Amino acid sequence: MFSLRTFAAATVIALAGTGAWAQDLAFQLINNSGMTLWEFYASPNTASSWEEDILGTSTLPSGSSVTVTIADGRTNCIYDMRMVFENGSVLEDQVNMCNMGSYTIN
């Protein structure tokens, strides 16, 4: 007999296998550092190198913010972040992006 419990379990397994649990990660990046942010990288903590600069050719002046959306199709939440400022200084951090609505650089 095919029960509702069996159907629910089969649905969860099928969705997990297709990556249906992956979702875009979006947050507000707020720069209160006193310096212009020139580069911003966010890579899964399992990546062996930094991925592309999310700001691209743009910069983020101090006192400004931007919405960052990471739509990489991955299911992990822990990301390493690397921020490069106008004076060449670098700040790195690791965050759980699944639980964050904003990230402030101080």
PDB file of N, CA and C in Angstrom:
ATOM      1  N   MET A   1       0.836  -1.173   0.000  1.00  0.00           N
ATOM      2  CA  MET A   1       0.000   0.000   0.000  1.00  0.00           C
ATOM      3  C   MET A   1       0.891   1.249   0.000  1.00  0.00           C
ATOM      4  N   PHE A   2       0.564   2.226  -0.804  1.00  0.00           N
ATOM      5  CA  PHE A   2       1.320   3.467  -0.945  1.00  0.00           C
ATOM      6  C   PHE A   2       0.762   4.487   0.033  1.00  0.00           C
ATOM      7  N   SER A   3       1.512   4.839   1.067  1.00  0.00           N
ATOM      8  CA  SER A   3       1.012   5.759   2.094  1.00  0.00           C
ATOM      9  C   SER A   3       1.495   7.177   1.842  1.00  0.00           C
ATOM     10  N   LEU A   4       0.890   8.102   2.524  1.00  0.00           N
ATOM     11  CA  LEU A   4       1.290   9.508   2.433  1.00  0.00           C
ATOM     12  C   LEU A   4       2.722   9.674   2.946  1.00  0.00           C
ATOM     13  N   ARG A   5       3.102   8.945   3.972  1.00  0.00           N
ATOM     14  CA  ARG A   5       4.453   9.019   4.509  1.00  0.00           C
ATOM     15  C   ARG A   5       5.472   8.560   3.468  1.00  0.00           C
ATOM     16  N   THR A   6       5.183   7.490   2.758  1.00  0.00           N
ATOM     17  CA  THR A   6       6.072   6.992   1.712  1.00  0.00           C
ATOM     18  C   THR A   6       6.187   8.017   0.596  1.00  0.00           C
ATOM     19  N   PHE A   7       5.078   8.629   0.220  1.00  0.00           N
ATOM     20  CA  PHE A   7       5.080   9.645  -0.830  1.00  0.00           C
ATOM     21  C   PHE A   7       5.928  10.847  -0.410  1.00  0.00           C
ATOM     22  N   ALA A   8       5.772  11.292   0.848  1.00  0.00           N
ATOM     23  CA  ALA A   8       6.525  12.451   1.333  1.00  0.00           C
ATOM     24  C   ALA A   8       8.021  12.146   1.338  1.00  0.00           C
ATOM     25  N   ALA A   9       8.397  10.969   1.793  1.00  0.00           N
ATOM     26  CA  ALA A   9       9.807  10.591   1.817  1.00  0.00           C
ATOM     27  C   ALA A   9      10.374  10.510   0.409  1.00  0.00           C
ATOM     28  N   ALA A  10       9.630   9.947  -0.520  1.00  0.00           N
ATOM     29  CA  ALA A  10      10.081   9.848  -1.905  1.00  0.00           C
ATOM     30  C   ALA A  10      10.227  11.229  -2.530  1.00  0.00           C
ATOM     31  N   THR A  11       9.347  12.150  -2.205  1.00  0.00           N
ATOM     32  CA  THR A  11       9.409  13.511  -2.738  1.00  0.00           C
ATOM     33  C   THR A  11      10.654  14.231  -2.218  1.00  0.00           C
ATOM     34  N   VAL A  12      10.947  14.094  -0.929  1.00  0.00           N
ATOM     35  CA  VAL A  12      12.129  14.735  -0.353  1.00  0.00           C
ATOM     36  C   VAL A  12      13.388  14.190  -1.003  1.00  0.00           C
ATOM     37  N   ILE A  13      13.473  12.886  -1.178  1.00  0.00           N
ATOM     38  CA  ILE A  13      14.641  12.278  -1.803  1.00  0.00           C
ATOM     39  C   ILE A  13      14.781  12.749  -3.245  1.00  0.00           C
ATOM     40  N   ALA A  14      13.686  12.815  -3.978  1.00  0.00           N
ATOM     41  CA  ALA A  14      13.732  13.250  -5.377  1.00  0.00           C
ATOM     42  C   ALA A  14      14.164  14.701  -5.479  1.00  0.00           C
ATOM     43  N   LEU A  15      13.637  15.556  -4.634  1.00  0.00           N
ATOM     44  CA  LEU A  15      14.006  16.970  -4.679  1.00  0.00           C
ATOM     45  C   LEU A  15      15.453  17.174  -4.272  1.00  0.00           C
ATOM     46  N   ALA A  16      15.916  16.438  -3.291  1.00  0.00           N
ATOM     47  CA  ALA A  16      17.302  16.576  -2.859  1.00  0.00           C
ATOM     48  C   ALA A  16      18.253  16.172  -3.976  1.00  0.00           C
ATOM     49  N   GLY A  17      17.889  15.193  -4.732  1.00  0.00           N
ATOM     50  CA  GLY A  17      18.737  14.736  -5.823  1.00  0.00           C
ATOM     51  C   GLY A  17      18.788  15.690  -6.990  1.00  0.00           C
ATOM     52  N   THR A  18      17.808  16.567  -7.134  1.00  0.00           N
ATOM     53  CA  THR A  18      17.778  17.492  -8.263  1.00  0.00           C
ATOM     54  C   THR A  18      18.319  18.864  -7.907  1.00  0.00           C
ATOM     55  N   GLY A  19      18.735  19.056  -6.647  1.00  0.00           N
ATOM     56  CA  GLY A  19      19.246  20.363  -6.248  1.00  0.00           C
ATOM     57  C   GLY A  19      18.152  21.364  -5.984  1.00  0.00           C
ATOM     58  N   ALA A  20      16.948  20.913  -5.756  1.00  0.00           N
ATOM     59  CA  ALA A  20      15.830  21.814  -5.526  1.00  0.00           C
ATOM     60  C   ALA A  20      15.981  22.598  -4.230  1.00  0.00           C
ATOM     61  N   TRP A  21      16.869  22.164  -3.362  1.00  0.00           N
ATOM     62  CA  TRP A  21      17.057  22.865  -2.105  1.00  0.00           C
ATOM     63  C   TRP A  21      17.966  24.082  -2.274  1.00  0.00           C
ATOM     64  N   ALA A  22      18.663  24.191  -3.381  1.00  0.00           N
ATOM     65  CA  ALA A  22      19.545  25.334  -3.612  1.00  0.00           C
ATOM     66  C   ALA A  22      18.709  26.596  -3.734  1.00  0.00           C
ATOM     67  N   GLN A  23      19.201  27.661  -3.143  1.00  0.00           N
ATOM     68  CA  GLN A  23      18.490  28.926  -3.250  1.00  0.00           C
ATOM     69  C   GLN A  23      19.493  30.066  -3.386  1.00  0.00           C
ATOM     70  N   ASP A  24      19.051  31.174  -3.935  1.00  0.00           N
ATOM     71  CA  ASP A  24      19.910  32.341  -4.038  1.00  0.00           C
ATOM     72  C   ASP A  24      20.148  32.897  -2.628  1.00  0.00           C
ATOM     73  N   LEU A  25      21.345  33.367  -2.400  1.00  0.00           N
ATOM     74  CA  LEU A  25      21.692  33.989  -1.130  1.00  0.00           C
ATOM     75  C   LEU A  25      21.792  35.485  -1.382  1.00  0.00           C
ATOM     76  N   ALA A  26      20.995  36.273  -0.687  1.00  0.00           N
ATOM     77  CA  ALA A  26      21.000  37.720  -0.882  1.00  0.00           C
ATOM     78  C   ALA A  26      21.169  38.421   0.464  1.00  0.00           C
ATOM     79  N   PHE A  27      21.965  39.474   0.467  1.00  0.00           N
ATOM     80  CA  PHE A  27      22.169  40.256   1.681  1.00  0.00           C
ATOM     81  C   PHE A  27      22.583  41.668   1.300  1.00  0.00           C
ATOM     82  N   GLN A  28      22.440  42.570   2.250  1.00  0.00           N
ATOM     83  CA  GLN A  28      22.842  43.957   2.072  1.00  0.00           C
ATOM     84  C   GLN A  28      24.271  44.099   2.567  1.00  0.00           C
ATOM     85  N   LEU A  29      25.187  44.530   1.691  1.00  0.00           N
ATOM     86  CA  LEU A  29      26.576  44.784   2.058  1.00  0.00           C
ATOM     87  C   LEU A  29      26.705  46.271   2.366  1.00  0.00           C
ATOM     88  N   ILE A  30      27.063  46.577   3.609  1.00  0.00           N
ATOM     89  CA  ILE A  30      27.139  47.964   4.078  1.00  0.00           C
ATOM     90  C   ILE A  30      28.600  48.295   4.377  1.00  0.00           C
ATOM     91  N   ASN A  31      29.106  49.345   3.752  1.00  0.00           N
ATOM     92  CA  ASN A  31      30.496  49.743   3.948  1.00  0.00           C
ATOM     93  C   ASN A  31      30.569  50.940   4.888  1.00  0.00           C
ATOM     94  N   ASN A  32      30.940  50.694   6.137  1.00  0.00           N
ATOM     95  CA  ASN A  32      31.171  51.758   7.125  1.00  0.00           C
ATOM     96  C   ASN A  32      32.635  51.783   7.549  1.00  0.00           C
ATOM     97  N   SER A  33      33.517  51.391   6.640  1.00  0.00           N
ATOM     98  CA  SER A  33      34.939  51.231   6.971  1.00  0.00           C
ATOM     99  C   SER A  33      35.725  52.540   6.976  1.00  0.00           C
ATOM    100  N   GLY A  34      35.195  53.581   6.351  1.00  0.00           N
ATOM    101  CA  GLY A  34      35.952  54.818   6.207  1.00  0.00           C
ATOM    102  C   GLY A  34      36.795  54.843   4.937  1.00  0.00           C
ATOM    103  N   MET A  35      36.780  53.733   4.186  1.00  0.00           N
ATOM    104  CA  MET A  35      37.529  53.636   2.929  1.00  0.00           C
ATOM    105  C   MET A  35      36.630  53.064   1.844  1.00  0.00           C
ATOM    106  N   THR A  36      36.959  53.356   0.602  1.00  0.00           N
ATOM    107  CA  THR A  36      36.214  52.780  -0.521  1.00  0.00           C
ATOM    108  C   THR A  36      36.611  51.320  -0.691  1.00  0.00           C
ATOM    109  N   LEU A  37      35.604  50.476  -0.859  1.00  0.00           N
ATOM    110  CA  LEU A  37      35.828  49.053  -1.119  1.00  0.00           C
ATOM    111  C   LEU A  37      36.034  48.885  -2.613  1.00  0.00           C
ATOM    112  N   TRP A  38      37.177  48.358  -3.004  1.00  0.00           N
ATOM    113  CA  TRP A  38      37.502  48.191  -4.425  1.00  0.00           C
ATOM    114  C   TRP A  38      37.133  46.825  -4.956  1.00  0.00           C
ATOM    115  N   GLU A  39      37.286  45.789  -4.110  1.00  0.00           N
ATOM    116  CA  GLU A  39      36.996  44.422  -4.556  1.00  0.00           C
ATOM    117  C   GLU A  39      36.263  43.680  -3.448  1.00  0.00           C
ATOM    118  N   PHE A  40      35.336  42.798  -3.849  1.00  0.00           N
ATOM    119  CA  PHE A  40      34.608  41.978  -2.878  1.00  0.00           C
ATOM    120  C   PHE A  40      34.433  40.584  -3.459  1.00  0.00           C
ATOM    121  N   TYR A  41      34.923  39.603  -2.730  1.00  0.00           N
ATOM    122  CA  TYR A  41      34.836  38.206  -3.154  1.00  0.00           C
ATOM    123  C   TYR A  41      34.056  37.419  -2.103  1.00  0.00           C
ATOM    124  N   ALA A  42      33.260  36.490  -2.542  1.00  0.00           N
ATOM    125  CA  ALA A  42      32.563  35.561  -1.645  1.00  0.00           C
ATOM    126  C   ALA A  42      32.613  34.188  -2.305  1.00  0.00           C
ATOM    127  N   SER A  43      33.292  33.267  -1.655  1.00  0.00           N
ATOM    128  CA  SER A  43      33.450  31.916  -2.184  1.00  0.00           C
ATOM    129  C   SER A  43      33.039  30.918  -1.113  1.00  0.00           C
ATOM    130  N   PRO A  44      32.418  29.810  -1.508  1.00  0.00           N
ATOM    131  CA  PRO A  44      32.094  28.787  -0.515  1.00  0.00           C
ATOM    132  C   PRO A  44      33.363  28.375   0.229  1.00  0.00           C
ATOM    133  N   ASN A  45      33.220  28.073   1.507  1.00  0.00           N
ATOM    134  CA  ASN A  45      34.403  27.725   2.295  1.00  0.00           C
ATOM    135  C   ASN A  45      35.089  26.460   1.784  1.00  0.00           C
ATOM    136  N   THR A  46      34.433  25.717   0.926  1.00  0.00           N
ATOM    137  CA  THR A  46      35.024  24.503   0.350  1.00  0.00           C
ATOM    138  C   THR A  46      35.800  24.782  -0.934  1.00  0.00           C
ATOM    139  N   ALA A  47      35.714  26.009  -1.458  1.00  0.00           N
ATOM    140  CA  ALA A  47      36.414  26.354  -2.705  1.00  0.00           C
ATOM    141  C   ALA A  47      37.914  26.463  -2.447  1.00  0.00           C
ATOM    142  N   SER A  48      38.707  26.102  -3.442  1.00  0.00           N
ATOM    143  CA  SER A  48      40.158  26.142  -3.279  1.00  0.00           C
ATOM    144  C   SER A  48      40.771  27.487  -3.665  1.00  0.00           C
ATOM    145  N   SER A  49      39.967  28.366  -4.269  1.00  0.00           N
ATOM    146  CA  SER A  49      40.465  29.690  -4.636  1.00  0.00           C
ATOM    147  C   SER A  49      39.298  30.683  -4.638  1.00  0.00           C
ATOM    148  N   TRP A  50      39.643  31.963  -4.668  1.00  0.00           N
ATOM    149  CA  TRP A  50      38.612  33.007  -4.709  1.00  0.00           C
ATOM    150  C   TRP A  50      37.951  33.015  -6.072  1.00  0.00           C
ATOM    151  N   GLU A  51      36.642  33.217  -6.067  1.00  0.00           N
ATOM    152  CA  GLU A  51      35.919  33.330  -7.324  1.00  0.00           C
ATOM    153  C   GLU A  51      35.954  34.789  -7.769  1.00  0.00           C
ATOM    154  N   GLU A  52      35.199  35.157  -8.774  1.00  0.00           N
ATOM    155  CA  GLU A  52      35.317  36.497  -9.365  1.00  0.00           C
ATOM    156  C   GLU A  52      34.915  37.613  -8.397  1.00  0.00           C
ATOM    157  N   ASP A  53      35.458  38.783  -8.653  1.00  0.00           N
ATOM    158  CA  ASP A  53      35.159  39.988  -7.881  1.00  0.00           C
ATOM    159  C   ASP A  53      33.690  40.350  -8.117  1.00  0.00           C
ATOM    160  N   ILE A  54      32.881  40.314  -7.074  1.00  0.00           N
ATOM    161  CA  ILE A  54      31.447  40.575  -7.201  1.00  0.00           C
ATOM    162  C   ILE A  54      31.171  42.016  -7.610  1.00  0.00           C
ATOM    163  N   LEU A  55      32.017  42.946  -7.195  1.00  0.00           N
ATOM    164  CA  LEU A  55      31.815  44.357  -7.564  1.00  0.00           C
ATOM    165  C   LEU A  55      32.169  44.622  -9.027  1.00  0.00           C
ATOM    166  N   GLY A  56      32.966  43.759  -9.610  1.00  0.00           N
ATOM    167  CA  GLY A  56      33.366  43.956 -11.006  1.00  0.00           C
ATOM    168  C   GLY A  56      34.132  45.250 -11.165  1.00  0.00           C
ATOM    169  N   THR A  57      33.667  46.118 -12.052  1.00  0.00           N
ATOM    170  CA  THR A  57      34.336  47.405 -12.276  1.00  0.00           C
ATOM    171  C   THR A  57      33.814  48.495 -11.343  1.00  0.00           C
ATOM    172  N   SER A  58      32.847  48.172 -10.504  1.00  0.00           N
ATOM    173  CA  SER A  58      32.284  49.138  -9.553  1.00  0.00           C
ATOM    174  C   SER A  58      33.090  49.156  -8.262  1.00  0.00           C
ATOM    175  N   THR A  59      32.862  50.183  -7.463  1.00  0.00           N
ATOM    176  CA  THR A  59      33.428  50.273  -6.116  1.00  0.00           C
ATOM    177  C   THR A  59      32.278  50.581  -5.159  1.00  0.00           C
ATOM    178  N   LEU A  60      32.547  50.441  -3.866  1.00  0.00           N
ATOM    179  CA  LEU A  60      31.531  50.755  -2.859  1.00  0.00           C
ATOM    180  C   LEU A  60      32.128  51.754  -1.871  1.00  0.00           C
ATOM    181  N   PRO A  61      31.778  53.050  -2.043  1.00  0.00           N
ATOM    182  CA  PRO A  61      32.316  54.077  -1.145  1.00  0.00           C
ATOM    183  C   PRO A  61      31.862  53.849   0.297  1.00  0.00           C
ATOM    184  N   SER A  62      32.654  54.345   1.236  1.00  0.00           N
ATOM    185  CA  SER A  62      32.269  54.279   2.636  1.00  0.00           C
ATOM    186  C   SER A  62      30.961  55.039   2.827  1.00  0.00           C
ATOM    187  N   GLY A  63      30.074  54.491   3.639  1.00  0.00           N
ATOM    188  CA  GLY A  63      28.759  55.093   3.867  1.00  0.00           C
ATOM    189  C   GLY A  63      27.708  54.610   2.887  1.00  0.00           C
ATOM    190  N   SER A  64      28.090  53.747   1.964  1.00  0.00           N
ATOM    191  CA  SER A  64      27.161  53.234   0.952  1.00  0.00           C
ATOM    192  C   SER A  64      26.862  51.758   1.206  1.00  0.00           C
ATOM    193  N   SER A  65      25.833  51.280   0.518  1.00  0.00           N
ATOM    194  CA  SER A  65      25.485  49.861   0.610  1.00  0.00           C
ATOM    195  C   SER A  65      25.017  49.371  -0.752  1.00  0.00           C
ATOM    196  N   VAL A  66      25.019  48.059  -0.903  1.00  0.00           N
ATOM    197  CA  VAL A  66      24.588  47.434  -2.150  1.00  0.00           C
ATOM    198  C   VAL A  66      23.985  46.077  -1.793  1.00  0.00           C
ATOM    199  N   THR A  67      22.997  45.652  -2.551  1.00  0.00           N
ATOM    200  CA  THR A  67      22.448  44.313  -2.374  1.00  0.00           C
ATOM    201  C   THR A  67      23.285  43.338  -3.171  1.00  0.00           C
ATOM    202  N   VAL A  68      23.780  42.308  -2.507  1.00  0.00           N
ATOM    203  CA  VAL A  68      24.581  41.263  -3.140  1.00  0.00           C
ATOM    204  C   VAL A  68      23.722  40.007  -3.222  1.00  0.00           C
ATOM    205  N   THR A  69      23.644  39.434  -4.408  1.00  0.00           N
ATOM    206  CA  THR A  69      22.931  38.175  -4.601  1.00  0.00           C
ATOM    207  C   THR A  69      23.909  37.150  -5.156  1.00  0.00           C
ATOM    208  N   ILE A  70      24.010  36.032  -4.463  1.00  0.00           N
ATOM    209  CA  ILE A  70      24.851  34.942  -4.921  1.00  0.00           C
ATOM    210  C   ILE A  70      23.917  33.838  -5.414  1.00  0.00           C
ATOM    211  N   ALA A  71      23.900  33.667  -6.711  1.00  0.00           N
ATOM    212  CA  ALA A  71      23.017  32.688  -7.340  1.00  0.00           C
ATOM    213  C   ALA A  71      23.869  31.628  -8.022  1.00  0.00           C
ATOM    214  N   ASP A  72      24.633  30.901  -7.202  1.00  0.00           N
ATOM    215  CA  ASP A  72      25.567  29.927  -7.765  1.00  0.00           C
ATOM    216  C   ASP A  72      25.020  28.502  -7.777  1.00  0.00           C
ATOM    217  N   GLY A  73      23.794  28.314  -7.291  1.00  0.00           N
ATOM    218  CA  GLY A  73      23.178  26.992  -7.326  1.00  0.00           C
ATOM    219  C   GLY A  73      23.712  26.035  -6.278  1.00  0.00           C
ATOM    220  N   ARG A  74      24.593  26.505  -5.427  1.00  0.00           N
ATOM    221  CA  ARG A  74      25.147  25.634  -4.390  1.00  0.00           C
ATOM    222  C   ARG A  74      24.199  25.564  -3.199  1.00  0.00           C
ATOM    223  N   THR A  75      24.369  24.548  -2.390  1.00  0.00           N
ATOM    224  CA  THR A  75      23.486  24.363  -1.243  1.00  0.00           C
ATOM    225  C   THR A  75      24.163  24.685   0.087  1.00  0.00           C
ATOM    226  N   ASN A  76      25.449  25.024   0.079  1.00  0.00           N
ATOM    227  CA  ASN A  76      26.108  25.328   1.342  1.00  0.00           C
ATOM    228  C   ASN A  76      25.854  26.773   1.758  1.00  0.00           C
ATOM    229  N   CYS A  77      25.987  27.024   3.047  1.00  0.00           N
ATOM    230  CA  CYS A  77      25.727  28.352   3.604  1.00  0.00           C
ATOM    231  C   CYS A  77      26.989  29.084   4.035  1.00  0.00           C
ATOM    232  N   ILE A  78      28.057  28.347   4.319  1.00  0.00           N
ATOM    233  CA  ILE A  78      29.269  28.958   4.859  1.00  0.00           C
ATOM    234  C   ILE A  78      30.149  29.455   3.709  1.00  0.00           C
ATOM    235  N   TYR A  79      30.383  30.763   3.703  1.00  0.00           N
ATOM    236  CA  TYR A  79      31.181  31.412   2.659  1.00  0.00           C
ATOM    237  C   TYR A  79      32.327  32.183   3.289  1.00  0.00           C
ATOM    238  N   ASP A  80      33.456  32.176   2.600  1.00  0.00           N
ATOM    239  CA  ASP A  80      34.578  33.034   2.950  1.00  0.00           C
ATOM    240  C   ASP A  80      34.425  34.322   2.151  1.00  0.00           C
ATOM    241  N   MET A  81      34.694  35.446   2.794  1.00  0.00           N
ATOM    242  CA  MET A  81      34.616  36.737   2.117  1.00  0.00           C
ATOM    243  C   MET A  81      35.982  37.408   2.176  1.00  0.00           C
ATOM    244  N   ARG A  82      36.306  38.098   1.100  1.00  0.00           N
ATOM    245  CA  ARG A  82      37.567  38.846   1.009  1.00  0.00           C
ATOM    246  C   ARG A  82      37.232  40.239   0.489  1.00  0.00           C
ATOM    247  N   MET A  83      37.678  41.254   1.229  1.00  0.00           N
ATOM    248  CA  MET A  83      37.411  42.634   0.866  1.00  0.00           C
ATOM    249  C   MET A  83      38.735  43.364   0.695  1.00  0.00           C
ATOM    250  N   VAL A  84      38.902  44.044  -0.432  1.00  0.00           N
ATOM    251  CA  VAL A  84      40.120  44.795  -0.721  1.00  0.00           C
ATOM    252  C   VAL A  84      39.739  46.274  -0.812  1.00  0.00           C
ATOM    253  N   PHE A  85      40.449  47.098  -0.041  1.00  0.00           N
ATOM    254  CA  PHE A  85      40.128  48.516   0.058  1.00  0.00           C
ATOM    255  C   PHE A  85      41.076  49.375  -0.758  1.00  0.00           C
ATOM    256  N   GLU A  86      40.723  50.641  -0.914  1.00  0.00           N
ATOM    257  CA  GLU A  86      41.458  51.574  -1.753  1.00  0.00           C
ATOM    258  C   GLU A  86      42.929  51.706  -1.373  1.00  0.00           C
ATOM    259  N   ASN A  87      43.267  51.505  -0.108  1.00  0.00           N
ATOM    260  CA  ASN A  87      44.664  51.630   0.325  1.00  0.00           C
ATOM    261  C   ASN A  87      45.420  50.305   0.217  1.00  0.00           C
ATOM    262  N   GLY A  88      44.766  49.275  -0.326  1.00  0.00           N
ATOM    263  CA  GLY A  88      45.400  47.978  -0.500  1.00  0.00           C
ATOM    264  C   GLY A  88      45.222  47.023   0.670  1.00  0.00           C
ATOM    265  N   SER A  89      44.632  47.507   1.765  1.00  0.00           N
ATOM    266  CA  SER A  89      44.411  46.615   2.903  1.00  0.00           C
ATOM    267  C   SER A  89      43.344  45.579   2.563  1.00  0.00           C
ATOM    268  N   VAL A  90      43.452  44.420   3.213  1.00  0.00           N
ATOM    269  CA  VAL A  90      42.569  43.294   2.934  1.00  0.00           C
ATOM    270  C   VAL A  90      41.927  42.838   4.239  1.00  0.00           C
ATOM    271  N   LEU A  91      40.647  42.562   4.177  1.00  0.00           N
ATOM    272  CA  LEU A  91      39.908  42.011   5.308  1.00  0.00           C
ATOM    273  C   LEU A  91      39.263  40.723   4.841  1.00  0.00           C
ATOM    274  N   GLU A  92      39.420  39.649   5.622  1.00  0.00           N
ATOM    275  CA  GLU A  92      38.780  38.376   5.292  1.00  0.00           C
ATOM    276  C   GLU A  92      37.923  37.941   6.467  1.00  0.00           C
ATOM    277  N   ASP A  93      36.821  37.276   6.159  1.00  0.00           N
ATOM    278  CA  ASP A  93      35.888  36.821   7.179  1.00  0.00           C
ATOM    279  C   ASP A  93      35.186  35.572   6.660  1.00  0.00           C
ATOM    280  N   GLN A  94      34.591  34.809   7.565  1.00  0.00           N
ATOM    281  CA  GLN A  94      33.788  33.655   7.181  1.00  0.00           C
ATOM    282  C   GLN A  94      32.421  33.824   7.833  1.00  0.00           C
ATOM    283  N   VAL A  95      31.357  33.659   7.044  1.00  0.00           N
ATOM    284  CA  VAL A  95      30.001  33.896   7.540  1.00  0.00           C
ATOM    285  C   VAL A  95      29.048  32.805   7.076  1.00  0.00           C
ATOM    286  N   ASN A  96      27.955  32.677   7.808  1.00  0.00           N
ATOM    287  CA  ASN A  96      26.846  31.813   7.413  1.00  0.00           C
ATOM    288  C   ASN A  96      25.860  32.704   6.666  1.00  0.00           C
ATOM    289  N   MET A  97      25.868  32.646   5.356  1.00  0.00           N
ATOM    290  CA  MET A  97      25.033  33.526   4.549  1.00  0.00           C
ATOM    291  C   MET A  97      23.555  33.148   4.572  1.00  0.00           C
ATOM    292  N   CYS A  98      23.237  31.950   4.987  1.00  0.00           N
ATOM    293  CA  CYS A  98      21.835  31.539   5.040  1.00  0.00           C
ATOM    294  C   CYS A  98      21.087  32.235   6.170  1.00  0.00           C
ATOM    295  N   ASN A  99      21.808  32.758   7.156  1.00  0.00           N
ATOM    296  CA  ASN A  99      21.168  33.393   8.315  1.00  0.00           C
ATOM    297  C   ASN A  99      21.436  34.886   8.379  1.00  0.00           C
ATOM    298  N   MET A 100      21.841  35.489   7.285  1.00  0.00           N
ATOM    299  CA  MET A 100      22.256  36.883   7.362  1.00  0.00           C
ATOM    300  C   MET A 100      21.463  37.734   6.374  1.00  0.00           C
ATOM    301  N   GLY A 101      20.941  38.829   6.873  1.00  0.00           N
ATOM    302  CA  GLY A 101      20.231  39.772   6.017  1.00  0.00           C
ATOM    303  C   GLY A 101      21.115  40.918   5.578  1.00  0.00           C
ATOM    304  N   SER A 102      22.177  41.159   6.386  1.00  0.00           N
ATOM    305  CA  SER A 102      23.103  42.232   6.039  1.00  0.00           C
ATOM    306  C   SER A 102      24.468  41.923   6.641  1.00  0.00           C
ATOM    307  N   TYR A 103      25.488  42.548   6.050  1.00  0.00           N
ATOM    308  CA  TYR A 103      26.855  42.432   6.546  1.00  0.00           C
ATOM    309  C   TYR A 103      27.451  43.828   6.514  1.00  0.00           C
ATOM    310  N   THR A 104      27.916  44.284   7.685  1.00  0.00           N
ATOM    311  CA  THR A 104      28.487  45.618   7.789  1.00  0.00           C
ATOM    312  C   THR A 104      29.991  45.542   7.957  1.00  0.00           C
ATOM    313  N   ILE A 105      30.708  46.272   7.118  1.00  0.00           N
ATOM    314  CA  ILE A 105      32.173  46.392   7.212  1.00  0.00           C
ATOM    315  C   ILE A 105      32.455  47.621   8.059  1.00  0.00           C
ATOM    316  N   ASN A 106      33.101  47.418   9.182  1.00  0.00           N
ATOM    317  CA  ASN A 106      33.443  48.544  10.070  1.00  0.00           C
ATOM    318  C   ASN A 106      34.923  48.809  10.054  1.00  0.00           C
TER     319      ASN A 106
END
